[in-house]
Structure formats: C-alpha cells, structure tokens
Amino acid sequence: MQVNRASPKINIYDIDQNKANYFSRLSKYYKNKFFLNTKKYFKEMEKIKKLPTLKLLHKNGDLFIFNCFTPHNSIREGKDVRLSLEFRLRLSDPYKSKKYWLNKTNRRGRYWLLPDNNIRNFSDKYEREIIKIKKMKGHKKKINLRNEEIKQFLI
C-alpha cells in the first residue's frame, strides 16, 4: 500500500562515492549554525538541487538506509508525519581512539562507557565513568578528555 498523499516523503539525491566524499568534507561547516546563513551554504544548496534524485516508491513500512552525507530532504505534503531516525555505530571503548574527541562534527566524547547498572543522575554517571577510566592505561589523559567534552558541549 502506498503512503497516504498527505504524508511527507523523502527525497534522496543520487550521488557517487566522489560526491559523498565531497559532502563529507563539508560536514565541518554544515553542523555549524552560522553556515546556514552563508553564501557558501546557498551555493551548495543550488548544486544539490541540480543533482538527480532516486526514484523511490514510498510505501507504508518502508525503510531507507543511506550514508549520512548523502544529500536528502523531505517533500512536504499535507500534515501527516514522516519519521526520521539517525543511527550511529559506537565503539565499546570510546577512549580507544582520541582522534575525534572535541571535534564539533563527529565527537566520540559524546559516548560514554556502558553502565553496569542503573544511573540516577548525571553526577552518578560521571562518577562511575571516572572510576572505570581510572582502571585504564593513560587514565589521566582520558579523564581530561571527558572533562573537556563536558565543559565544551554539555555546560
């Protein structure tokens, strides 16, 4: 059964790997709130609008999975809802690679070690995280990373 005419649809632009790489390099700008009001943003949007789109048959229950750097947008029709979910893969040890910590667009620091049991509040979460980190090699640097992440992005 096709989606109701009043439901928004998704429009996915048909790009190759080179274009996906190009858009991934732009990610350092597009996550910046100031980028949305720049000439560069509008130039990029004009380029995107000229790209071919995939011919999608929207049916109830369909799921579209694509690279997050693939340009896409909603086609607004009516007042029904289109549900969009974002999934990310995470390492079991967010401290294993510090390369992406404190990077505004792809921060590993937003991920914490998985808790052993229920957490009551943020202070509890933080204290348990620090206890686990202290058992690791190079724990002082890792604690500093966690504290900087909190200071820059959560406070």
N, C-alpha and C. Protein backbone atom coordinates (compact mmCIF):
# COMPACT_ATOMS: atom_id res chain seq x y z
N MET A 1 0.85 -1.17 0.00
CA MET A 1 0.00 0.00 0.00
C MET A 1 0.89 1.24 0.00
N GLN A 2 0.58 2.16 -0.86
CA GLN A 2 1.36 3.40 -0.94
C GLN A 2 1.05 4.31 0.24
N VAL A 3 2.00 5.18 0.53
CA VAL A 3 1.85 6.13 1.62
C VAL A 3 0.74 7.13 1.28
N ASN A 4 0.00 7.52 2.28
CA ASN A 4 -1.07 8.49 2.15
C ASN A 4 -0.57 9.76 1.45
N ARG A 5 -1.38 10.33 0.61
CA ARG A 5 -0.98 11.54 -0.14
C ARG A 5 -0.65 12.71 0.79
N ALA A 6 -1.18 12.71 2.01
CA ALA A 6 -0.93 13.80 2.95
C ALA A 6 0.37 13.61 3.74
N SER A 7 1.06 12.49 3.49
CA SER A 7 2.30 12.21 4.22
C SER A 7 3.50 12.83 3.52
N PRO A 8 4.43 13.39 4.30
CA PRO A 8 5.68 13.87 3.69
C PRO A 8 6.47 12.67 3.15
N LYS A 9 7.25 12.89 2.13
CA LYS A 9 8.07 11.84 1.53
C LYS A 9 9.53 12.26 1.67
N ILE A 10 10.42 11.31 1.42
CA ILE A 10 11.84 11.65 1.45
C ILE A 10 12.36 11.71 0.02
N ASN A 11 13.23 12.65 -0.20
CA ASN A 11 13.88 12.83 -1.48
C ASN A 11 15.36 12.55 -1.25
N ILE A 12 15.93 11.55 -1.92
CA ILE A 12 17.34 11.20 -1.77
C ILE A 12 18.03 11.46 -3.11
N TYR A 13 19.09 12.26 -3.06
CA TYR A 13 19.81 12.59 -4.28
C TYR A 13 20.77 11.46 -4.65
N ASP A 14 20.84 11.18 -5.94
CA ASP A 14 21.66 10.09 -6.46
C ASP A 14 23.09 10.58 -6.66
N ILE A 15 24.01 10.13 -5.80
CA ILE A 15 25.40 10.59 -5.89
C ILE A 15 26.34 9.39 -5.93
N ASP A 16 27.54 9.62 -6.43
CA ASP A 16 28.57 8.59 -6.44
C ASP A 16 29.50 8.79 -5.23
N GLN A 17 30.49 7.94 -5.10
CA GLN A 17 31.39 8.00 -3.95
C GLN A 17 32.19 9.31 -3.90
N ASN A 18 32.58 9.83 -5.05
CA ASN A 18 33.31 11.10 -5.08
C ASN A 18 32.47 12.24 -4.49
N LYS A 19 31.20 12.27 -4.87
CA LYS A 19 30.32 13.31 -4.33
C LYS A 19 30.07 13.08 -2.84
N ALA A 20 29.95 11.82 -2.42
CA ALA A 20 29.78 11.52 -0.99
C ALA A 20 30.99 12.01 -0.21
N ASN A 21 32.18 11.80 -0.76
CA ASN A 21 33.40 12.29 -0.11
C ASN A 21 33.39 13.82 -0.02
N TYR A 22 32.95 14.46 -1.10
CA TYR A 22 32.88 15.92 -1.11
C TYR A 22 31.95 16.42 -0.01
N PHE A 23 30.75 15.83 0.08
CA PHE A 23 29.79 16.27 1.09
C PHE A 23 30.26 15.94 2.50
N SER A 24 31.02 14.87 2.66
CA SER A 24 31.55 14.56 3.99
C SER A 24 32.56 15.61 4.42
N ARG A 25 33.33 16.12 3.48
CA ARG A 25 34.28 17.20 3.81
C ARG A 25 33.55 18.48 4.19
N LEU A 26 32.37 18.69 3.66
CA LEU A 26 31.58 19.88 4.02
C LEU A 26 30.97 19.76 5.41
N SER A 27 30.99 18.57 5.98
CA SER A 27 30.31 18.37 7.27
C SER A 27 30.85 19.27 8.37
N LYS A 28 32.10 19.66 8.28
CA LYS A 28 32.63 20.56 9.32
C LYS A 28 31.92 21.91 9.28
N TYR A 29 31.32 22.26 8.13
CA TYR A 29 30.57 23.50 8.02
C TYR A 29 29.09 23.31 8.34
N TYR A 30 28.50 22.24 7.82
CA TYR A 30 27.05 22.17 7.90
C TYR A 30 26.54 21.96 9.32
N LYS A 31 27.37 21.46 10.22
CA LYS A 31 26.95 21.32 11.61
C LYS A 31 27.10 22.64 12.37
N ASN A 32 27.69 23.62 11.73
CA ASN A 32 27.89 24.92 12.35
C ASN A 32 26.66 25.77 12.09
N LYS A 33 26.05 26.29 13.14
CA LYS A 33 24.81 27.06 12.98
C LYS A 33 25.00 28.30 12.11
N PHE A 34 26.22 28.82 12.03
CA PHE A 34 26.47 30.01 11.23
C PHE A 34 26.54 29.69 9.74
N PHE A 35 26.81 28.43 9.39
CA PHE A 35 26.92 28.03 7.99
C PHE A 35 25.60 28.24 7.25
N LEU A 36 24.49 28.08 7.96
CA LEU A 36 23.18 28.16 7.32
C LEU A 36 22.86 29.54 6.75
N ASN A 37 23.60 30.54 7.13
CA ASN A 37 23.35 31.90 6.63
C ASN A 37 24.49 32.44 5.79
N THR A 38 25.28 31.54 5.21
CA THR A 38 26.42 31.98 4.42
C THR A 38 26.15 31.82 2.92
N LYS A 39 26.94 32.53 2.12
CA LYS A 39 26.84 32.38 0.66
C LYS A 39 27.22 30.96 0.25
N LYS A 40 28.20 30.40 0.94
CA LYS A 40 28.65 29.03 0.63
C LYS A 40 27.49 28.04 0.78
N TYR A 41 26.71 28.18 1.83
CA TYR A 41 25.57 27.29 2.05
C TYR A 41 24.60 27.36 0.87
N PHE A 42 24.25 28.57 0.45
CA PHE A 42 23.29 28.72 -0.64
C PHE A 42 23.87 28.23 -1.98
N LYS A 43 25.17 28.39 -2.17
CA LYS A 43 25.81 27.86 -3.38
C LYS A 43 25.75 26.33 -3.38
N GLU A 44 26.02 25.73 -2.23
CA GLU A 44 25.97 24.27 -2.13
C GLU A 44 24.54 23.77 -2.34
N MET A 45 23.57 24.47 -1.81
CA MET A 45 22.18 24.07 -1.99
C MET A 45 21.77 24.13 -3.46
N GLU A 46 22.26 25.12 -4.18
CA GLU A 46 21.97 25.21 -5.61
C GLU A 46 22.58 24.03 -6.36
N LYS A 47 23.80 23.64 -5.99
CA LYS A 47 24.44 22.46 -6.61
C LYS A 47 23.62 21.20 -6.33
N ILE A 48 23.17 21.07 -5.09
CA ILE A 48 22.42 19.87 -4.70
C ILE A 48 21.11 19.79 -5.48
N LYS A 49 20.42 20.90 -5.62
CA LYS A 49 19.13 20.91 -6.33
C LYS A 49 19.26 20.45 -7.78
N LYS A 50 20.46 20.57 -8.36
CA LYS A 50 20.69 20.16 -9.74
C LYS A 50 21.01 18.66 -9.87
N LEU A 51 21.26 18.00 -8.75
CA LEU A 51 21.60 16.58 -8.79
C LEU A 51 20.37 15.74 -9.12
N PRO A 52 20.56 14.58 -9.76
CA PRO A 52 19.41 13.70 -10.00
C PRO A 52 18.95 13.08 -8.67
N THR A 53 17.69 12.74 -8.60
CA THR A 53 17.16 12.10 -7.39
C THR A 53 16.82 10.64 -7.69
N LEU A 54 16.81 9.85 -6.63
CA LEU A 54 16.42 8.45 -6.78
C LEU A 54 14.91 8.38 -6.96
N LYS A 55 14.47 7.46 -7.76
CA LYS A 55 13.04 7.26 -7.96
C LYS A 55 12.56 6.28 -6.90
N LEU A 56 11.96 6.79 -5.84
CA LEU A 56 11.53 5.96 -4.72
C LEU A 56 10.02 5.76 -4.76
N LEU A 57 9.61 4.53 -4.51
CA LEU A 57 8.20 4.23 -4.38
C LEU A 57 7.92 4.18 -2.88
N HIS A 58 7.29 5.21 -2.36
CA HIS A 58 7.04 5.30 -0.93
C HIS A 58 5.86 4.41 -0.55
N LYS A 59 6.15 3.42 0.28
CA LYS A 59 5.10 2.51 0.77
C LYS A 59 5.13 2.49 2.28
N ASN A 60 3.98 2.29 2.90
CA ASN A 60 3.93 2.19 4.36
C ASN A 60 4.87 1.10 4.83
N GLY A 61 5.64 1.41 5.86
CA GLY A 61 6.56 0.43 6.44
C GLY A 61 7.92 0.37 5.77
N ASP A 62 8.12 1.10 4.68
CA ASP A 62 9.43 1.09 4.01
C ASP A 62 10.47 1.78 4.87
N LEU A 63 11.70 1.32 4.72
CA LEU A 63 12.83 1.88 5.43
C LEU A 63 13.92 2.18 4.40
N PHE A 64 14.44 3.39 4.42
CA PHE A 64 15.52 3.77 3.52
C PHE A 64 16.77 3.98 4.36
N ILE A 65 17.85 3.29 4.00
CA ILE A 65 19.12 3.42 4.70
C ILE A 65 20.14 3.96 3.71
N PHE A 66 20.84 5.03 4.12
CA PHE A 66 21.81 5.63 3.23
C PHE A 66 22.88 6.33 4.04
N ASN A 67 24.01 6.58 3.41
CA ASN A 67 25.12 7.28 4.03
C ASN A 67 24.65 8.64 4.52
N CYS A 68 25.06 9.02 5.72
CA CYS A 68 24.57 10.28 6.30
C CYS A 68 25.03 11.51 5.52
N PHE A 69 26.03 11.37 4.66
CA PHE A 69 26.48 12.52 3.87
C PHE A 69 25.75 12.61 2.53
N THR A 70 24.83 11.70 2.28
CA THR A 70 24.04 11.76 1.06
C THR A 70 23.01 12.88 1.20
N PRO A 71 23.02 13.85 0.30
CA PRO A 71 22.02 14.92 0.40
C PRO A 71 20.61 14.35 0.30
N HIS A 72 19.76 14.82 1.16
CA HIS A 72 18.36 14.38 1.18
C HIS A 72 17.51 15.47 1.81
N ASN A 73 16.23 15.40 1.59
CA ASN A 73 15.30 16.35 2.19
C ASN A 73 13.90 15.76 2.21
N SER A 74 13.04 16.41 2.95
CA SER A 74 11.64 16.00 3.00
C SER A 74 10.87 16.73 1.91
N ILE A 75 9.93 16.02 1.32
CA ILE A 75 8.99 16.63 0.39
C ILE A 75 7.71 16.80 1.20
N ARG A 76 7.40 18.02 1.55
CA ARG A 76 6.25 18.31 2.42
C ARG A 76 4.96 18.20 1.63
N GLU A 77 4.09 17.35 2.13
CA GLU A 77 2.75 17.20 1.55
C GLU A 77 1.79 16.96 2.70
N GLY A 78 0.78 17.74 2.80
CA GLY A 78 -0.20 17.54 3.85
C GLY A 78 0.39 17.80 5.23
N LYS A 79 -0.27 17.23 6.26
CA LYS A 79 0.17 17.48 7.63
C LYS A 79 0.50 16.19 8.36
N ASP A 80 0.60 15.07 7.66
CA ASP A 80 0.99 13.82 8.31
C ASP A 80 2.48 13.86 8.65
N VAL A 81 2.94 12.86 9.36
CA VAL A 81 4.31 12.84 9.86
C VAL A 81 5.16 11.82 9.11
N ARG A 82 6.42 12.19 8.83
CA ARG A 82 7.42 11.24 8.34
C ARG A 82 8.43 11.10 9.46
N LEU A 83 8.63 9.88 9.91
CA LEU A 83 9.56 9.61 11.00
C LEU A 83 10.96 9.42 10.44
N SER A 84 11.93 10.12 11.01
CA SER A 84 13.31 10.01 10.58
C SER A 84 14.16 9.67 11.80
N LEU A 85 14.91 8.60 11.73
CA LEU A 85 15.77 8.18 12.82
C LEU A 85 17.21 8.18 12.36
N GLU A 86 18.10 8.58 13.24
CA GLU A 86 19.53 8.58 12.93
C GLU A 86 20.20 7.55 13.83
N PHE A 87 20.98 6.68 13.23
CA PHE A 87 21.71 5.67 13.98
C PHE A 87 23.20 5.88 13.78
N ARG A 88 23.96 5.67 14.84
CA ARG A 88 25.41 5.75 14.76
C ARG A 88 25.98 4.49 15.41
N LEU A 89 27.08 4.04 14.85
CA LEU A 89 27.79 2.93 15.47
C LEU A 89 28.77 3.50 16.46
N ARG A 90 28.94 2.80 17.56
CA ARG A 90 29.90 3.28 18.54
C ARG A 90 30.78 2.14 19.01
N LEU A 91 31.99 2.49 19.37
CA LEU A 91 32.93 1.52 19.88
C LEU A 91 32.56 1.17 21.32
N SER A 92 32.90 -0.03 21.75
CA SER A 92 32.64 -0.38 23.15
C SER A 92 33.52 0.44 24.07
N ASP A 93 34.66 0.94 23.55
CA ASP A 93 35.56 1.79 24.32
C ASP A 93 35.71 3.14 23.61
N PRO A 94 34.96 4.15 24.03
CA PRO A 94 35.05 5.45 23.36
C PRO A 94 36.40 6.13 23.54
N TYR A 95 37.23 5.61 24.44
CA TYR A 95 38.54 6.21 24.71
C TYR A 95 39.65 5.57 23.88
N LYS A 96 39.31 4.53 23.12
CA LYS A 96 40.32 3.80 22.35
C LYS A 96 41.06 4.71 21.37
N SER A 97 40.31 5.52 20.64
CA SER A 97 40.91 6.46 19.69
C SER A 97 40.49 7.88 20.09
N LYS A 98 41.46 8.70 20.36
CA LYS A 98 41.16 10.07 20.78
C LYS A 98 41.14 11.04 19.61
N LYS A 99 41.26 10.53 18.39
CA LYS A 99 41.34 11.36 17.19
C LYS A 99 40.15 12.31 17.03
N TYR A 100 38.95 11.83 17.34
CA TYR A 100 37.75 12.62 17.07
C TYR A 100 37.20 13.34 18.31
N TRP A 101 37.89 13.24 19.41
CA TRP A 101 37.43 13.92 20.62
C TRP A 101 37.51 15.42 20.41
N LEU A 102 36.55 16.13 20.93
CA LEU A 102 36.48 17.59 20.90
C LEU A 102 36.35 18.15 19.48
N ASN A 103 36.03 17.28 18.53
CA ASN A 103 35.75 17.69 17.16
C ASN A 103 34.26 18.00 17.12
N LYS A 104 33.88 19.18 16.71
CA LYS A 104 32.48 19.60 16.80
C LYS A 104 31.51 18.79 15.95
N THR A 105 31.98 18.18 14.87
CA THR A 105 31.04 17.48 13.99
C THR A 105 30.94 15.99 14.24
N ASN A 106 31.99 15.36 14.71
CA ASN A 106 31.94 13.91 14.88
C ASN A 106 32.63 13.54 16.20
N ARG A 107 32.01 13.92 17.28
CA ARG A 107 32.61 13.77 18.60
C ARG A 107 32.42 12.37 19.15
N ARG A 108 33.52 11.69 19.44
CA ARG A 108 33.44 10.41 20.13
C ARG A 108 33.14 10.64 21.61
N GLY A 109 33.49 11.81 22.12
CA GLY A 109 33.31 12.12 23.52
C GLY A 109 31.87 12.13 23.98
N ARG A 110 30.93 12.21 23.03
CA ARG A 110 29.53 12.18 23.44
C ARG A 110 29.15 10.78 23.92
N TYR A 111 29.97 9.79 23.58
CA TYR A 111 29.69 8.42 24.02
C TYR A 111 30.44 8.12 25.31
N TRP A 112 29.78 7.43 26.18
CA TRP A 112 30.35 7.05 27.46
C TRP A 112 30.49 5.54 27.49
N LEU A 113 31.25 5.04 28.45
CA LEU A 113 31.32 3.59 28.64
C LEU A 113 29.93 3.11 29.04
N LEU A 114 29.60 1.90 28.67
CA LEU A 114 28.28 1.38 29.02
C LEU A 114 28.19 1.17 30.53
N PRO A 115 27.10 1.60 31.15
CA PRO A 115 26.97 1.47 32.60
C PRO A 115 26.72 0.01 33.03
N ASP A 116 27.17 -0.29 34.23
CA ASP A 116 26.95 -1.64 34.78
C ASP A 116 25.54 -1.81 35.30
N ASN A 117 24.95 -0.75 35.78
CA ASN A 117 23.58 -0.81 36.31
C ASN A 117 22.93 0.56 36.20
N ASN A 118 21.81 0.71 36.87
CA ASN A 118 21.04 1.96 36.75
C ASN A 118 21.82 3.17 37.23
N ILE A 119 21.59 4.27 36.56
CA ILE A 119 22.22 5.53 36.91
C ILE A 119 21.11 6.49 37.33
N ARG A 120 21.32 7.17 38.43
CA ARG A 120 20.28 8.06 38.99
C ARG A 120 20.30 9.45 38.38
N ASN A 121 21.49 9.97 38.10
CA ASN A 121 21.60 11.34 37.62
C ASN A 121 22.96 11.53 36.93
N PHE A 122 23.21 12.73 36.44
CA PHE A 122 24.44 12.98 35.71
C PHE A 122 25.67 12.83 36.60
N SER A 123 25.60 13.30 37.84
CA SER A 123 26.75 13.18 38.76
C SER A 123 27.10 11.72 38.98
N ASP A 124 26.08 10.89 39.14
CA ASP A 124 26.29 9.45 39.32
C ASP A 124 26.97 8.85 38.08
N LYS A 125 26.48 9.24 36.93
CA LYS A 125 27.04 8.76 35.66
C LYS A 125 28.51 9.15 35.55
N TYR A 126 28.80 10.41 35.84
CA TYR A 126 30.16 10.92 35.76
C TYR A 126 31.09 10.17 36.73
N GLU A 127 30.66 10.03 37.97
CA GLU A 127 31.49 9.36 38.98
C GLU A 127 31.81 7.92 38.58
N ARG A 128 30.83 7.20 38.09
CA ARG A 128 31.05 5.81 37.66
C ARG A 128 31.99 5.75 36.46
N GLU A 129 31.85 6.72 35.56
CA GLU A 129 32.72 6.78 34.39
C GLU A 129 34.17 6.98 34.83
N ILE A 130 34.40 7.89 35.74
CA ILE A 130 35.75 8.19 36.22
C ILE A 130 36.35 6.96 36.92
N ILE A 131 35.56 6.25 37.70
CA ILE A 131 36.05 5.03 38.37
C ILE A 131 36.53 4.02 37.33
N LYS A 132 35.75 3.85 36.25
CA LYS A 132 36.14 2.91 35.19
C LYS A 132 37.39 3.38 34.45
N ILE A 133 37.44 4.69 34.17
CA ILE A 133 38.60 5.23 33.44
C ILE A 133 39.88 5.04 34.24
N LYS A 134 39.80 5.21 35.55
CA LYS A 134 41.00 5.11 36.40
C LYS A 134 41.63 3.72 36.35
N LYS A 135 40.88 2.74 35.90
CA LYS A 135 41.40 1.37 35.77
C LYS A 135 42.13 1.16 34.44
N MET A 136 42.10 2.18 33.58
CA MET A 136 42.69 2.08 32.24
C MET A 136 44.10 2.68 32.20
N LYS A 137 44.84 2.21 31.23
CA LYS A 137 46.16 2.78 30.96
C LYS A 137 45.97 4.20 30.41
N GLY A 138 46.79 5.14 30.86
CA GLY A 138 46.69 6.52 30.38
C GLY A 138 45.44 7.21 30.88
N HIS A 139 44.99 6.86 32.07
CA HIS A 139 43.71 7.37 32.56
C HIS A 139 43.68 8.88 32.77
N LYS A 140 44.79 9.51 33.08
CA LYS A 140 44.77 10.97 33.32
C LYS A 140 44.38 11.73 32.06
N LYS A 141 44.92 11.34 30.91
CA LYS A 141 44.56 11.98 29.65
C LYS A 141 43.09 11.74 29.31
N LYS A 142 42.62 10.54 29.59
CA LYS A 142 41.23 10.20 29.28
C LYS A 142 40.26 10.98 30.18
N ILE A 143 40.63 11.15 31.43
CA ILE A 143 39.79 11.95 32.33
C ILE A 143 39.77 13.40 31.86
N ASN A 144 40.92 13.91 31.42
CA ASN A 144 40.97 15.28 30.89
C ASN A 144 40.08 15.42 29.66
N LEU A 145 40.11 14.42 28.77
CA LEU A 145 39.25 14.46 27.58
C LEU A 145 37.78 14.52 27.99
N ARG A 146 37.40 13.67 28.92
CA ARG A 146 36.00 13.63 29.38
C ARG A 146 35.60 14.98 29.97
N ASN A 147 36.47 15.55 30.81
CA ASN A 147 36.15 16.83 31.44
C ASN A 147 36.05 17.96 30.42
N GLU A 148 36.93 17.96 29.42
CA GLU A 148 36.87 18.97 28.36
C GLU A 148 35.59 18.82 27.54
N GLU A 149 35.23 17.58 27.25
CA GLU A 149 33.99 17.31 26.50
C GLU A 149 32.78 17.88 27.26
N ILE A 150 32.75 17.63 28.53
CA ILE A 150 31.64 18.13 29.37
C ILE A 150 31.63 19.66 29.37
N LYS A 151 32.80 20.24 29.58
CA LYS A 151 32.90 21.71 29.65
C LYS A 151 32.50 22.37 28.33
N GLN A 152 32.96 21.80 27.19
CA GLN A 152 32.69 22.43 25.89
C GLN A 152 31.27 22.20 25.38
N PHE A 153 30.74 21.00 25.62
CA PHE A 153 29.50 20.64 24.93
C PHE A 153 28.29 20.39 25.84
N LEU A 154 28.50 20.25 27.13
CA LEU A 154 27.35 19.96 27.99
C LEU A 154 27.05 21.06 29.00
N ILE A 155 28.00 21.94 29.24
CA ILE A 155 27.75 23.01 30.23
C ILE A 155 27.48 24.30 29.49
